[in-house]
């Protein structure tokens, strides 16, 4: 399971309106779920992180998120079926 700290981090940055922090927290949760082989949850967190990066026009952030999806073969296979 993702750590309680990861979930608390997400809650705090959302309360603060910190988009970059929210994107990072979502990516961390995506990585945690990917390591647990819960690829649907991982992809959903990565997708939310990508959407925030696009909203911020942070192209490096978009690349980082897509890289995370690509590093997890099963996650990227699952994503191909959803896109």
Protein backbone atom coordinates (compact mmCIF):
# COMPACT_ATOMS: atom_id res chain seq x y z
CA UNK A 1 0.00 0.00 0.00
CA UNK A 2 1.14 3.54 -0.56
CA UNK A 3 2.30 5.11 2.65
CA UNK A 4 0.05 7.25 4.78
CA UNK A 5 2.58 10.03 4.26
CA UNK A 6 2.05 9.94 0.48
CA UNK A 7 -1.69 10.34 0.95
CA UNK A 8 -1.22 13.08 3.56
CA UNK A 9 1.19 14.87 1.24
CA UNK A 10 -1.45 14.88 -1.50
CA UNK A 11 -4.08 16.20 0.89
CA UNK A 12 -1.82 19.03 2.12
CA UNK A 13 -0.73 20.23 -1.31
CA UNK A 14 -4.31 20.15 -2.57
CA UNK A 15 -5.39 22.26 0.41
CA UNK A 16 -2.60 24.73 -0.37
CA UNK A 17 -3.47 24.84 -4.08
CA UNK A 18 0.10 23.76 -4.89
CA UNK A 19 -0.25 22.25 -8.39
CA UNK A 20 3.38 21.21 -8.73
CA UNK A 21 3.26 19.50 -5.33
CA UNK A 22 -0.03 17.83 -6.25
CA UNK A 23 1.45 16.56 -9.51
CA UNK A 24 4.48 15.17 -7.67
CA UNK A 25 2.33 13.52 -4.99
CA UNK A 26 0.14 11.91 -7.66
CA UNK A 27 3.23 10.61 -9.44
CA UNK A 28 4.55 9.15 -6.18
CA UNK A 29 1.25 7.39 -5.58
CA UNK A 30 1.29 6.11 -9.17
CA UNK A 31 4.75 4.65 -8.63
CA UNK A 32 3.64 3.06 -5.36
CA UNK A 33 0.65 1.36 -6.99
CA UNK A 34 2.77 0.29 -9.97
CA UNK A 35 5.21 -1.42 -7.60
CA UNK A 36 2.21 -3.28 -6.15
CA UNK A 37 1.20 -4.28 -9.70
CA UNK A 38 -2.09 -2.40 -9.40
CA UNK A 39 -1.69 -0.95 -12.88
CA UNK A 40 -5.17 0.52 -13.18
CA UNK A 41 -4.71 2.67 -10.06
CA UNK A 42 -1.14 3.51 -11.08
CA UNK A 43 -2.25 4.66 -14.52
CA UNK A 44 -5.10 6.73 -13.04
CA UNK A 45 -2.68 8.57 -10.73
CA UNK A 46 -0.20 9.09 -13.57
CA UNK A 47 -2.98 10.39 -15.80
CA UNK A 48 -4.07 12.93 -13.17
CA UNK A 49 -0.44 14.03 -12.82
CA UNK A 50 -0.20 14.43 -16.62
CA UNK A 51 -3.36 16.53 -16.71
CA UNK A 52 -1.95 18.88 -14.07
CA UNK A 53 1.33 19.15 -15.99
CA UNK A 54 -0.63 20.08 -19.12
CA UNK A 55 -2.65 22.65 -17.19
CA UNK A 56 0.62 24.17 -15.96
CA UNK A 57 2.13 23.94 -19.48
CA UNK A 58 4.99 22.04 -17.87
CA UNK A 59 6.26 19.99 -20.77
CA UNK A 60 9.10 18.48 -18.79
CA UNK A 61 6.54 17.33 -16.21
CA UNK A 62 4.45 15.75 -18.97
CA UNK A 63 7.54 13.92 -20.17
CA UNK A 64 8.34 12.75 -16.66
CA UNK A 65 4.84 11.32 -16.20
CA UNK A 66 4.88 9.62 -19.60
CA UNK A 67 8.30 8.23 -18.72
CA UNK A 68 6.88 6.78 -15.50
CA UNK A 69 4.13 5.06 -17.47
CA UNK A 70 6.68 3.73 -19.96
CA UNK A 71 8.96 2.36 -17.23
CA UNK A 72 6.20 0.09 -16.01
CA UNK A 73 5.60 -2.31 -18.91
CA UNK A 74 2.29 -3.66 -17.64
CA UNK A 75 1.08 -0.15 -16.88
CA UNK A 76 1.91 1.02 -20.39
CA UNK A 77 0.23 -2.09 -21.86
CA UNK A 78 -2.87 -1.38 -19.78
CA UNK A 79 -2.80 2.28 -20.84
CA UNK A 80 -2.67 1.41 -24.55
CA UNK A 81 -5.98 -0.37 -24.19
CA UNK A 82 -7.52 2.72 -22.55
CA UNK A 83 -6.25 5.43 -24.89
